[in-house]
């Protein structure tokens, strides 16, 4: 069974790329470039799911949720 977790990816001056998984508080990683940050966040999500399954805890999913970017002045 697949799991979907939304992650936010952004840049921070002098820090490279930062990736955050909102459904998993504290699941934050980074990389020197976009590709490294995406690889790191994928690994963080996989480890989180593995821990949930081993502990018998539910794995949070965001399937069916809609995410919308809104800009405001």
Protein backbone atom coordinates (compact mmCIF):
# COMPACT_ATOMS: atom_id res chain seq x y z
CA UNK A 1 0.00 0.00 0.00
CA UNK A 2 1.39 3.41 -0.97
CA UNK A 3 1.47 6.39 1.31
CA UNK A 4 1.40 10.04 0.33
CA UNK A 5 2.84 12.81 2.45
CA UNK A 6 2.98 16.38 1.22
CA UNK A 7 6.30 18.15 1.58
CA UNK A 8 7.16 21.79 1.15
CA UNK A 9 10.41 22.71 -0.52
CA UNK A 10 11.98 26.14 -0.38
CA UNK A 11 15.28 27.93 -0.39
CA UNK A 12 16.95 29.86 2.39
CA UNK A 13 19.76 32.23 1.69
CA UNK A 14 23.01 30.55 2.61
CA UNK A 15 21.27 27.28 3.59
CA UNK A 16 20.48 25.69 0.24
CA UNK A 17 17.10 23.96 0.07
CA UNK A 18 14.89 23.10 3.03
CA UNK A 19 12.16 20.42 2.90
CA UNK A 20 9.37 20.16 5.47
CA UNK A 21 6.69 17.45 5.88
CA UNK A 22 3.70 19.20 7.53
CA UNK A 23 1.92 15.93 8.40
CA UNK A 24 4.93 14.92 10.49
CA UNK A 25 5.89 17.67 12.94
CA UNK A 26 9.64 17.87 13.25
CA UNK A 27 10.29 16.15 9.92
CA UNK A 28 12.58 18.75 8.37
CA UNK A 29 15.65 18.22 6.23
CA UNK A 30 17.81 20.13 3.82
CA UNK A 31 20.22 19.77 0.95
CA UNK A 32 22.81 21.84 -0.85
CA UNK A 33 20.63 21.70 -3.98
CA UNK A 34 17.05 20.77 -4.89
CA UNK A 35 17.89 17.18 -5.84
CA UNK A 36 19.68 16.52 -2.55
CA UNK A 37 16.84 18.05 -0.51
CA UNK A 38 14.28 15.89 -2.34
CA UNK A 39 16.36 12.75 -1.81
CA UNK A 40 16.75 13.58 1.88
CA UNK A 41 13.04 14.25 2.41
CA UNK A 42 12.13 11.01 0.64
CA UNK A 43 14.46 9.13 3.00
CA UNK A 44 12.99 10.96 6.03
CA UNK A 45 9.44 10.04 4.96
CA UNK A 46 10.39 6.40 4.34
CA UNK A 47 12.04 6.13 7.76
CA UNK A 48 9.02 7.75 9.41
CA UNK A 49 6.61 5.32 7.71
CA UNK A 50 8.86 2.39 8.67
CA UNK A 51 8.84 3.52 12.32
CA UNK A 52 5.04 3.87 12.31
CA UNK A 53 4.54 0.40 10.87
CA UNK A 54 7.01 -1.22 13.28
CA UNK A 55 5.30 0.46 16.25
CA UNK A 56 1.81 -0.43 15.00
CA UNK A 57 0.91 3.25 14.76
CA UNK A 58 -1.24 4.66 11.96
CA UNK A 59 0.63 6.28 9.10
CA UNK A 60 -0.73 9.75 8.36
CA UNK A 61 -1.80 10.25 4.78
CA UNK A 62 -2.84 13.25 2.81
CA UNK A 63 -4.57 11.36 0.00
CA UNK A 64 -7.73 13.21 -0.93
CA UNK A 65 -6.58 16.55 0.48
CA UNK A 66 -6.22 19.53 -1.80
CA UNK A 67 -3.28 21.89 -1.50
CA UNK A 68 -3.56 25.39 -2.90
CA UNK A 69 -0.91 28.09 -3.03
CA UNK A 70 -2.36 31.53 -2.38
CA UNK A 71 -0.49 34.79 -2.69
CA UNK A 72 -1.68 37.81 -0.75
CA UNK A 73 -0.49 41.38 -0.92
